PDB file of N, CA and C in Angstrom:
ATOM      1  N   MET A   1     -14.865  -3.667  10.602  1.00  0.00           N
ATOM      2  CA  MET A   1     -15.743  -4.200   9.542  1.00  0.00           C
ATOM      3  C   MET A   1     -16.565  -5.352  10.127  1.00  0.00           C
ATOM      4  N   GLN A   2     -17.743  -5.439   9.497  1.00  0.00           N
ATOM      5  CA  GLN A   2     -18.717  -6.461   9.966  1.00  0.00           C
ATOM      6  C   GLN A   2     -18.685  -7.659   8.981  1.00  0.00           C
ATOM      7  N   ASN A   3     -19.097  -8.775   9.480  1.00  0.00           N
ATOM      8  CA  ASN A   3     -19.343  -9.959   8.631  1.00  0.00           C
ATOM      9  C   ASN A   3     -18.140 -10.193   7.711  1.00  0.00           C
ATOM     10  N   ILE A   4     -17.004 -10.422   8.295  1.00  0.00           N
ATOM     11  CA  ILE A   4     -15.758 -10.653   7.472  1.00  0.00           C
ATOM     12  C   ILE A   4     -15.896 -11.996   6.769  1.00  0.00           C
ATOM     13  N   PRO A   5     -15.831 -11.996   5.476  1.00  0.00           N
ATOM     14  CA  PRO A   5     -15.970 -13.238   4.725  1.00  0.00           C
ATOM     15  C   PRO A   5     -14.780 -14.141   4.898  1.00  0.00           C
ATOM     16  N   PRO A   6     -14.951 -15.458   4.610  1.00  0.00           N
ATOM     17  CA  PRO A   6     -13.840 -16.385   4.708  1.00  0.00           C
ATOM     18  C   PRO A   6     -12.824 -16.126   3.614  1.00  0.00           C
ATOM     19  N   PRO A   7     -11.592 -16.577   3.799  1.00  0.00           N
ATOM     20  CA  PRO A   7     -10.578 -16.399   2.773  1.00  0.00           C
ATOM     21  C   PRO A   7     -11.012 -17.000   1.442  1.00  0.00           C
ATOM     22  N   GLU A   8     -10.589 -16.340   0.331  1.00  0.00           N
ATOM     23  CA  GLU A   8     -10.968 -16.860  -1.007  1.00  0.00           C
ATOM     24  C   GLU A   8      -9.682 -16.992  -1.796  1.00  0.00           C
ATOM     25  N   LEU A   9      -9.657 -17.944  -2.665  1.00  0.00           N
ATOM     26  CA  LEU A   9      -8.520 -18.141  -3.529  1.00  0.00           C
ATOM     27  C   LEU A   9      -8.634 -17.212  -4.717  1.00  0.00           C
ATOM     28  N   VAL A  10      -7.533 -16.458  -5.024  1.00  0.00           N
ATOM     29  CA  VAL A  10      -7.503 -15.618  -6.219  1.00  0.00           C
ATOM     30  C   VAL A  10      -6.317 -16.042  -7.012  1.00  0.00           C
ATOM     31  N   ILE A  11      -6.375 -15.800  -8.298  1.00  0.00           N
ATOM     32  CA  ILE A  11      -5.285 -16.236  -9.229  1.00  0.00           C
ATOM     33  C   ILE A  11      -4.627 -15.001  -9.847  1.00  0.00           C
ATOM     34  N   VAL A  12      -3.355 -15.023  -9.851  1.00  0.00           N
ATOM     35  CA  VAL A  12      -2.625 -13.873 -10.470  1.00  0.00           C
ATOM     36  C   VAL A  12      -2.576 -14.130 -11.996  1.00  0.00           C
ATOM     37  N   SER A  13      -2.957 -13.095 -12.710  1.00  0.00           N
ATOM     38  CA  SER A  13      -3.007 -13.182 -14.241  1.00  0.00           C
ATOM     39  C   SER A  13      -1.593 -13.112 -14.749  1.00  0.00           C
ATOM     40  N   THR A  14      -1.489 -13.360 -16.075  1.00  0.00           N
ATOM     41  CA  THR A  14      -0.161 -13.205 -16.720  1.00  0.00           C
ATOM     42  C   THR A  14       0.307 -11.771 -16.677  1.00  0.00           C
ATOM     43  N   LYS A  15      -0.552 -10.803 -16.410  1.00  0.00           N
ATOM     44  CA  LYS A  15      -0.139  -9.417 -16.271  1.00  0.00           C
ATOM     45  C   LYS A  15       0.132  -9.013 -14.798  1.00  0.00           C
ATOM     46  N   GLY A  16       0.063  -9.998 -13.931  1.00  0.00           N
ATOM     47  CA  GLY A  16       0.326  -9.759 -12.493  1.00  0.00           C
ATOM     48  C   GLY A  16      -0.853  -9.160 -11.756  1.00  0.00           C
ATOM     49  N   GLN A  17      -2.067  -9.274 -12.346  1.00  0.00           N
ATOM     50  CA  GLN A  17      -3.256  -8.712 -11.732  1.00  0.00           C
ATOM     51  C   GLN A  17      -4.046  -9.798 -10.953  1.00  0.00           C
ATOM     52  N   ILE A  18      -4.803  -9.291  -9.939  1.00  0.00           N
ATOM     53  CA  ILE A  18      -5.723 -10.195  -9.238  1.00  0.00           C
ATOM     54  C   ILE A  18      -7.083  -9.497  -9.226  1.00  0.00           C
ATOM     55  N   VAL A  19      -8.107 -10.320  -9.052  1.00  0.00           N
ATOM     56  CA  VAL A  19      -9.445  -9.760  -8.886  1.00  0.00           C
ATOM     57  C   VAL A  19      -9.843  -9.904  -7.433  1.00  0.00           C
ATOM     58  N   ILE A  20     -10.138  -8.793  -6.787  1.00  0.00           N
ATOM     59  CA  ILE A  20     -10.608  -8.829  -5.435  1.00  0.00           C
ATOM     60  C   ILE A  20     -12.094  -9.238  -5.459  1.00  0.00           C
ATOM     61  N   PRO A  21     -12.463 -10.298  -4.773  1.00  0.00           N
ATOM     62  CA  PRO A  21     -13.857 -10.738  -4.806  1.00  0.00           C
ATOM     63  C   PRO A  21     -14.838  -9.612  -4.487  1.00  0.00           C
ATOM     64  N   ARG A  22     -15.990  -9.613  -5.112  1.00  0.00           N
ATOM     65  CA  ARG A  22     -16.966  -8.554  -5.037  1.00  0.00           C
ATOM     66  C   ARG A  22     -17.387  -8.302  -3.526  1.00  0.00           C
ATOM     67  N   GLU A  23     -17.629  -9.371  -2.759  1.00  0.00           N
ATOM     68  CA  GLU A  23     -18.051  -9.222  -1.386  1.00  0.00           C
ATOM     69  C   GLU A  23     -16.989  -8.394  -0.612  1.00  0.00           C
ATOM     70  N   ILE A  24     -15.768  -8.739  -0.820  1.00  0.00           N
ATOM     71  CA  ILE A  24     -14.669  -8.010  -0.105  1.00  0.00           C
ATOM     72  C   ILE A  24     -14.599  -6.544  -0.587  1.00  0.00           C
ATOM     73  N   ARG A  25     -14.722  -6.382  -1.900  1.00  0.00           N
ATOM     74  CA  ARG A  25     -14.682  -4.941  -2.444  1.00  0.00           C
ATOM     75  C   ARG A  25     -15.781  -4.132  -1.802  1.00  0.00           C
ATOM     76  N   GLU A  26     -17.001  -4.736  -1.728  1.00  0.00           N
ATOM     77  CA  GLU A  26     -18.138  -4.015  -1.221  1.00  0.00           C
ATOM     78  C   GLU A  26     -17.961  -3.701   0.255  1.00  0.00           C
ATOM     79  N   LEU A  27     -17.520  -4.716   1.037  1.00  0.00           N
ATOM     80  CA  LEU A  27     -17.329  -4.500   2.474  1.00  0.00           C
ATOM     81  C   LEU A  27     -16.277  -3.432   2.767  1.00  0.00           C
ATOM     82  N   ALA A  28     -15.179  -3.408   1.922  1.00  0.00           N
ATOM     83  CA  ALA A  28     -14.115  -2.496   2.126  1.00  0.00           C
ATOM     84  C   ALA A  28     -14.381  -1.141   1.431  1.00  0.00           C
ATOM     85  N   GLY A  29     -15.471  -1.034   0.720  1.00  0.00           N
ATOM     86  CA  GLY A  29     -15.789   0.241   0.052  1.00  0.00           C
ATOM     87  C   GLY A  29     -14.852   0.523  -1.094  1.00  0.00           C
ATOM     88  N   LEU A  30     -14.343  -0.519  -1.762  1.00  0.00           N
ATOM     89  CA  LEU A  30     -13.449  -0.332  -2.921  1.00  0.00           C
ATOM     90  C   LEU A  30     -14.244  -0.070  -4.184  1.00  0.00           C
ATOM     91  N   ALA A  31     -13.718   0.850  -5.030  1.00  0.00           N
ATOM     92  CA  ALA A  31     -14.251   1.071  -6.299  1.00  0.00           C
ATOM     93  C   ALA A  31     -13.098   1.322  -7.265  1.00  0.00           C
ATOM     94  N   ALA A  32     -13.437   1.428  -8.531  1.00  0.00           N
ATOM     95  CA  ALA A  32     -12.375   1.680  -9.482  1.00  0.00           C
ATOM     96  C   ALA A  32     -11.590   2.954  -9.087  1.00  0.00           C
ATOM     97  N   GLY A  33     -10.276   2.833  -9.096  1.00  0.00           N
ATOM     98  CA  GLY A  33      -9.463   3.964  -8.729  1.00  0.00           C
ATOM     99  C   GLY A  33      -9.034   3.983  -7.218  1.00  0.00           C
ATOM    100  N   SER A  34      -9.632   3.087  -6.409  1.00  0.00           N
ATOM    101  CA  SER A  34      -9.254   3.010  -5.015  1.00  0.00           C
ATOM    102  C   SER A  34      -7.801   2.689  -4.905  1.00  0.00           C
ATOM    103  N   LYS A  35      -7.144   3.260  -3.917  1.00  0.00           N
ATOM    104  CA  LYS A  35      -5.688   3.064  -3.736  1.00  0.00           C
ATOM    105  C   LYS A  35      -5.483   2.068  -2.587  1.00  0.00           C
ATOM    106  N   LEU A  36      -4.569   1.126  -2.846  1.00  0.00           N
ATOM    107  CA  LEU A  36      -4.201   0.137  -1.833  1.00  0.00           C
ATOM    108  C   LEU A  36      -2.701   0.100  -1.651  1.00  0.00           C
ATOM    109  N   VAL A  37      -2.296  -0.316  -0.536  1.00  0.00           N
ATOM    110  CA  VAL A  37      -0.832  -0.504  -0.210  1.00  0.00           C
ATOM    111  C   VAL A  37      -0.643  -2.004  -0.067  1.00  0.00           C
ATOM    112  N   ILE A  38       0.365  -2.528  -0.784  1.00  0.00           N
ATOM    113  CA  ILE A  38       0.654  -3.951  -0.693  1.00  0.00           C
ATOM    114  C   ILE A  38       2.039  -4.113  -0.189  1.00  0.00           C
ATOM    115  N   GLN A  39       2.223  -5.073   0.722  1.00  0.00           N
ATOM    116  CA  GLN A  39       3.552  -5.307   1.310  1.00  0.00           C
ATOM    117  C   GLN A  39       3.780  -6.760   1.669  1.00  0.00           C
ATOM    118  N   LEU A  40       4.938  -7.268   1.337  1.00  0.00           N
ATOM    119  CA  LEU A  40       5.282  -8.651   1.702  1.00  0.00           C
ATOM    120  C   LEU A  40       6.042  -8.483   3.021  1.00  0.00           C
ATOM    121  N   ARG A  41       5.449  -9.039   4.096  1.00  0.00           N
ATOM    122  CA  ARG A  41       6.034  -8.990   5.443  1.00  0.00           C
ATOM    123  C   ARG A  41       7.122 -10.044   5.559  1.00  0.00           C
ATOM    124  N   GLU A  42       7.998  -9.849   6.618  1.00  0.00           N
ATOM    125  CA  GLU A  42       9.068 -10.771   6.816  1.00  0.00           C
ATOM    126  C   GLU A  42       8.580 -12.197   7.125  1.00  0.00           C
ATOM    127  N   ASP A  43       7.346 -12.279   7.719  1.00  0.00           N
ATOM    128  CA  ASP A  43       6.843 -13.598   8.037  1.00  0.00           C
ATOM    129  C   ASP A  43       6.160 -14.285   6.820  1.00  0.00           C
ATOM    130  N   GLY A  44       6.288 -13.661   5.612  1.00  0.00           N
ATOM    131  CA  GLY A  44       5.793 -14.278   4.408  1.00  0.00           C
ATOM    132  C   GLY A  44       4.348 -13.959   4.083  1.00  0.00           C
ATOM    133  N   VAL A  45       3.688 -13.149   4.957  1.00  0.00           N
ATOM    134  CA  VAL A  45       2.310 -12.755   4.739  1.00  0.00           C
ATOM    135  C   VAL A  45       2.303 -11.565   3.738  1.00  0.00           C
ATOM    136  N   LEU A  46       1.457 -11.714   2.737  1.00  0.00           N
ATOM    137  CA  LEU A  46       1.278 -10.616   1.761  1.00  0.00           C
ATOM    138  C   LEU A  46       0.096  -9.795   2.245  1.00  0.00           C
ATOM    139  N   GLU A  47       0.383  -8.547   2.643  1.00  0.00           N
ATOM    140  CA  GLU A  47      -0.581  -7.720   3.298  1.00  0.00           C
ATOM    141  C   GLU A  47      -1.050  -6.625   2.307  1.00  0.00           C
ATOM    142  N   ILE A  48      -2.380  -6.490   2.223  1.00  0.00           N
ATOM    143  CA  ILE A  48      -2.965  -5.475   1.348  1.00  0.00           C
ATOM    144  C   ILE A  48      -3.868  -4.562   2.259  1.00  0.00           C
ATOM    145  N   ARG A  49      -3.582  -3.313   2.267  1.00  0.00           N
ATOM    146  CA  ARG A  49      -4.300  -2.365   3.157  1.00  0.00           C
ATOM    147  C   ARG A  49      -4.909  -1.232   2.287  1.00  0.00           C
ATOM    148  N   LEU A  50      -5.934  -0.623   2.790  1.00  0.00           N
ATOM    149  CA  LEU A  50      -6.470   0.573   2.141  1.00  0.00           C
ATOM    150  C   LEU A  50      -5.438   1.713   2.390  1.00  0.00           C
ATOM    151  N   ALA A  51      -5.124   2.452   1.392  1.00  0.00           N
ATOM    152  CA  ALA A  51      -4.245   3.571   1.488  1.00  0.00           C
ATOM    153  C   ALA A  51      -4.964   4.705   2.214  1.00  0.00           C
ATOM    154  N   LYS A  52      -4.431   5.231   3.253  1.00  0.00           N
ATOM    155  CA  LYS A  52      -5.070   6.344   3.933  1.00  0.00           C
ATOM    156  C   LYS A  52      -4.385   7.616   3.498  1.00  0.00           C
ATOM    157  N   GLY A  53      -5.070   8.754   3.531  1.00  0.00           N
ATOM    158  CA  GLY A  53      -4.543  10.013   3.126  1.00  0.00           C
ATOM    159  C   GLY A  53      -3.055  10.179   3.278  1.00  0.00           C
ATOM    160  N   GLY A  54      -2.451  10.881   2.333  1.00  0.00           N
ATOM    161  CA  GLY A  54      -1.029  11.173   2.398  1.00  0.00           C
ATOM    162  C   GLY A  54      -0.147  10.259   1.571  1.00  0.00           C
ATOM    163  N   ILE A  55      -0.653   9.170   1.036  1.00  0.00           N
ATOM    164  CA  ILE A  55       0.147   8.247   0.266  1.00  0.00           C
ATOM    165  C   ILE A  55       0.696   8.917  -0.989  1.00  0.00           C
ATOM    166  N   GLU A  56      -0.106   9.707  -1.667  1.00  0.00           N
ATOM    167  CA  GLU A  56       0.374  10.384  -2.840  1.00  0.00           C
ATOM    168  C   GLU A  56       1.471  11.361  -2.506  1.00  0.00           C
ATOM    169  N   ASP A  57       1.374  11.990  -1.361  1.00  0.00           N
ATOM    170  CA  ASP A  57       2.393  12.920  -0.898  1.00  0.00           C
ATOM    171  C   ASP A  57       3.686  12.187  -0.688  1.00  0.00           C
ATOM    172  N   LEU A  58       3.648  10.956  -0.188  1.00  0.00           N
ATOM    173  CA  LEU A  58       4.871  10.191   0.076  1.00  0.00           C
ATOM    174  C   LEU A  58       5.552   9.912  -1.246  1.00  0.00           C
ATOM    175  N   PHE A  59       4.793   9.552  -2.285  1.00  0.00           N
ATOM    176  CA  PHE A  59       5.427   9.275  -3.553  1.00  0.00           C
ATOM    177  C   PHE A  59       6.014  10.579  -4.140  1.00  0.00           C
ATOM    178  N   GLY A  60       5.340  11.737  -3.881  1.00  0.00           N
ATOM    179  CA  GLY A  60       5.840  12.997  -4.320  1.00  0.00           C
ATOM    180  C   GLY A  60       7.138  13.363  -3.686  1.00  0.00           C
ATOM    181  N   ILE A  61       7.316  13.039  -2.387  1.00  0.00           N
ATOM    182  CA  ILE A  61       8.523  13.290  -1.712  1.00  0.00           C
ATOM    183  C   ILE A  61       9.726  12.582  -2.357  1.00  0.00           C
ATOM    184  N   VAL A  62       9.489  11.271  -2.689  1.00  0.00           N
ATOM    185  CA  VAL A  62      10.578  10.518  -3.343  1.00  0.00           C
ATOM    186  C   VAL A  62      10.921  11.127  -4.680  1.00  0.00           C
ATOM    187  N   ARG A  63       9.940  11.520  -5.440  1.00  0.00           N
ATOM    188  CA  ARG A  63      10.190  12.170  -6.753  1.00  0.00           C
ATOM    189  C   ARG A  63      11.006  13.468  -6.597  1.00  0.00           C
ATOM    190  N   LYS A  64      10.587  14.256  -5.595  1.00  0.00           N
ATOM    191  CA  LYS A  64      11.334  15.519  -5.333  1.00  0.00           C
ATOM    192  C   LYS A  64      12.759  15.286  -4.963  1.00  0.00           C
ATOM    193  N   LEU A  65      12.993  14.227  -4.107  1.00  0.00           N
ATOM    194  CA  LEU A  65      14.374  13.935  -3.751  1.00  0.00           C
ATOM    195  C   LEU A  65      15.204  13.501  -4.976  1.00  0.00           C
ATOM    196  N   GLN A  66      14.566  12.799  -5.887  1.00  0.00           N
ATOM    197  CA  GLN A  66      15.313  12.329  -7.062  1.00  0.00           C
ATOM    198  C   GLN A  66      15.594  13.501  -8.019  1.00  0.00           C
ATOM    199  N   ASN A  67      14.795  14.554  -8.003  1.00  0.00           N
ATOM    200  CA  ASN A  67      14.998  15.616  -8.898  1.00  0.00           C
ATOM    201  C   ASN A  67      15.720  16.805  -8.260  1.00  0.00           C
ATOM    202  N   ALA A  68      16.132  16.683  -7.017  1.00  0.00           N
ATOM    203  CA  ALA A  68      16.846  17.723  -6.312  1.00  0.00           C
ATOM    204  C   ALA A  68      18.173  17.909  -6.934  1.00  0.00           C
ATOM    205  N   PRO A  69      18.794  19.122  -6.826  1.00  0.00           N
ATOM    206  CA  PRO A  69      20.127  19.391  -7.319  1.00  0.00           C
ATOM    207  C   PRO A  69      21.189  18.423  -6.853  1.00  0.00           C
ATOM    208  N   GLN A  70      21.095  18.018  -5.605  1.00  0.00           N
ATOM    209  CA  GLN A  70      22.038  17.048  -5.064  1.00  0.00           C
ATOM    210  C   GLN A  70      21.528  15.677  -5.292  1.00  0.00           C
ATOM    211  N   LYS A  71      21.034  15.437  -6.488  1.00  0.00           N
ATOM    212  CA  LYS A  71      20.288  14.204  -6.845  1.00  0.00           C
ATOM    213  C   LYS A  71      20.939  12.960  -6.250  1.00  0.00           C
ATOM    214  N   VAL A  72      20.117  12.197  -5.576  1.00  0.00           N
ATOM    215  CA  VAL A  72      20.523  10.932  -4.970  1.00  0.00           C
ATOM    216  C   VAL A  72      20.130   9.799  -5.960  1.00  0.00           C
ATOM    217  N   SER A  73      21.086   9.000  -6.295  1.00  0.00           N
ATOM    218  CA  SER A  73      20.784   7.863  -7.244  1.00  0.00           C
ATOM    219  C   SER A  73      20.362   6.680  -6.403  1.00  0.00           C
ATOM    220  N   LEU A  74      19.123   6.237  -6.705  1.00  0.00           N
ATOM    221  CA  LEU A  74      18.531   5.096  -5.958  1.00  0.00           C
ATOM    222  C   LEU A  74      18.260   3.973  -6.992  1.00  0.00           C
ATOM    223  N   THR A  75      18.488   2.765  -6.575  1.00  0.00           N
ATOM    224  CA  THR A  75      18.058   1.622  -7.377  1.00  0.00           C
ATOM    225  C   THR A  75      16.568   1.527  -7.240  1.00  0.00           C
ATOM    226  N   LYS A  76      15.898   0.793  -8.043  1.00  0.00           N
ATOM    227  CA  LYS A  76      14.418   0.560  -7.969  1.00  0.00           C
ATOM    228  C   LYS A  76      14.116  -0.054  -6.625  1.00  0.00           C
ATOM    229  N   ASN A  77      14.907  -1.003  -6.135  1.00  0.00           N
ATOM    230  CA  ASN A  77      14.648  -1.632  -4.810  1.00  0.00           C
ATOM    231  C   ASN A  77      14.811  -0.620  -3.691  1.00  0.00           C
ATOM    232  N   GLN A  78      15.813   0.222  -3.760  1.00  0.00           N
ATOM    233  CA  GLN A  78      16.047   1.249  -2.707  1.00  0.00           C
ATOM    234  C   GLN A  78      14.844   2.196  -2.721  1.00  0.00           C
ATOM    235  N   GLU A  79      14.418   2.537  -3.901  1.00  0.00           N
ATOM    236  CA  GLU A  79      13.207   3.454  -4.040  1.00  0.00           C
ATOM    237  C   GLU A  79      12.011   2.834  -3.377  1.00  0.00           C
ATOM    238  N   GLU A  80      11.730   1.561  -3.714  1.00  0.00           N
ATOM    239  CA  GLU A  80      10.555   0.864  -3.105  1.00  0.00           C
ATOM    240  C   GLU A  80      10.707   0.714  -1.626  1.00  0.00           C
ATOM    241  N   ASP A  81      11.952   0.415  -1.138  1.00  0.00           N
ATOM    242  CA  ASP A  81      12.160   0.310   0.300  1.00  0.00           C
ATOM    243  C   ASP A  81      11.876   1.643   0.995  1.00  0.00           C
ATOM    244  N   ALA A  82      12.336   2.742   0.399  1.00  0.00           N
ATOM    245  CA  ALA A  82      12.127   4.040   0.974  1.00  0.00           C
ATOM    246  C   ALA A  82      10.599   4.426   1.014  1.00  0.00           C
ATOM    247  N   ILE A  83       9.941   4.081  -0.029  1.00  0.00           N
ATOM    248  CA  ILE A  83       8.477   4.343  -0.020  1.00  0.00           C
ATOM    249  C   ILE A  83       7.769   3.513   0.991  1.00  0.00           C
ATOM    250  N   MET A  84       8.100   2.213   1.086  1.00  0.00           N
ATOM    251  CA  MET A  84       7.478   1.332   2.084  1.00  0.00           C
ATOM    252  C   MET A  84       7.767   1.783   3.489  1.00  0.00           C
ATOM    253  N   ALA A  85       9.017   2.289   3.717  1.00  0.00           N
ATOM    254  CA  ALA A  85       9.354   2.754   5.050  1.00  0.00           C
ATOM    255  C   ALA A  85       8.474   3.995   5.422  1.00  0.00           C
ATOM    256  N   MET A  86       8.261   4.878   4.430  1.00  0.00           N
ATOM    257  CA  MET A  86       7.469   6.060   4.651  1.00  0.00           C
ATOM    258  C   MET A  86       6.015   5.668   4.876  1.00  0.00           C
ATOM    259  N   VAL A  87       5.568   4.686   4.135  1.00  0.00           N
ATOM    260  CA  VAL A  87       4.174   4.209   4.277  1.00  0.00           C
ATOM    261  C   VAL A  87       4.020   3.616   5.691  1.00  0.00           C
ATOM    262  N   ALA A  88       4.968   2.814   6.094  1.00  0.00           N
ATOM    263  CA  ALA A  88       4.894   2.160   7.424  1.00  0.00           C
ATOM    264  C   ALA A  88       4.883   3.252   8.525  1.00  0.00           C
ATOM    265  N   LYS A  89       5.689   4.292   8.373  1.00  0.00           N
ATOM    266  CA  LYS A  89       5.776   5.380   9.345  1.00  0.00           C
ATOM    267  C   LYS A  89       4.392   6.102   9.350  1.00  0.00           C
ATOM    268  N   GLU A  90       3.816   6.389   8.249  1.00  0.00           N
ATOM    269  CA  GLU A  90       2.529   7.047   8.131  1.00  0.00           C
ATOM    270  C   GLU A  90       1.452   6.161   8.777  1.00  0.00           C
ATOM    271  N   ASP A  91       1.556   4.836   8.514  1.00  0.00           N
ATOM    272  CA  ASP A  91       0.560   3.910   9.086  1.00  0.00           C
ATOM    273  C   ASP A  91       0.636   3.902  10.606  1.00  0.00           C
ATOM    274  N   GLN A  92       1.857   3.952  11.135  1.00  0.00           N
ATOM    275  CA  GLN A  92       2.042   4.046  12.636  1.00  0.00           C
ATOM    276  C   GLN A  92       1.399   5.258  13.194  1.00  0.00           C
ATOM    277  N   LYS A  93       1.587   6.444  12.470  1.00  0.00           N
ATOM    278  CA  LYS A  93       1.007   7.666  12.940  1.00  0.00           C
ATOM    279  C   LYS A  93      -0.530   7.542  12.933  1.00  0.00           C
ATOM    280  N   THR A  94      -1.084   6.895  11.882  1.00  0.00           N
ATOM    281  CA  THR A  94      -2.512   6.738  11.781  1.00  0.00           C
ATOM    282  C   THR A  94      -3.043   5.878  12.870  1.00  0.00           C
ATOM    283  N   LYS A  95      -2.325   4.798  13.201  1.00  0.00           N
ATOM    284  CA  LYS A  95      -2.733   3.866  14.245  1.00  0.00           C
ATOM    285  C   LYS A  95      -2.702   4.576  15.578  1.00  0.00           C
ATOM    286  N   LYS A  96      -1.617   5.386  15.865  1.00  0.00           N
ATOM    287  CA  LYS A  96      -1.515   6.071  17.106  1.00  0.00           C
ATOM    288  C   LYS A  96      -2.610   7.126  17.283  1.00  0.00           C
ATOM    289  N   SER A  97      -2.956   7.785  16.209  1.00  0.00           N
ATOM    290  CA  SER A  97      -3.991   8.867  16.312  1.00  0.00           C
ATOM    291  C   SER A  97      -5.376   8.171  16.510  1.00  0.00           C
ATOM    292  N   GLY A  98      -5.522   6.981  16.034  1.00  0.00           N
ATOM    293  CA  GLY A  98      -6.778   6.224  16.197  1.00  0.00           C
ATOM    294  C   GLY A  98      -6.982   5.673  17.594  1.00  0.00           C
ATOM    295  N   GLU A  99      -5.848   5.547  18.329  1.00  0.00           N
ATOM    296  CA  GLU A  99      -5.920   4.979  19.715  1.00  0.00           C
ATOM    297  C   GLU A  99      -6.402   5.993  20.736  1.00  0.00           C
ATOM    298  N   THR A 100      -6.295   7.263  20.427  1.00  0.00           N
ATOM    299  CA  THR A 100      -6.670   8.265  21.421  1.00  0.00           C
ATOM    300  C   THR A 100      -8.120   8.471  21.494  1.00  0.00           C
TER     301      THR A 100
END
């Protein structure tokens, strides 16, 4: 990306929403309906990335596992952890394919 803008303060609404500043939306190519991945890292950094192809498939895999005959009971946290692990794995594949 070019001309990366300086950090901006955003405020979380009572509904848990934030507004991504227009300049950042435009530079990132975000529009209504754009999909993002958000993750709180161990170092306390809240990371927001553009979702790259396959993210909907990852959510579908979790749903299929939950509806399978040998249904696995997951807590909401376990479900989120499983999704984030799959997203991280997909992200690593994307990074590796971009290095070649």
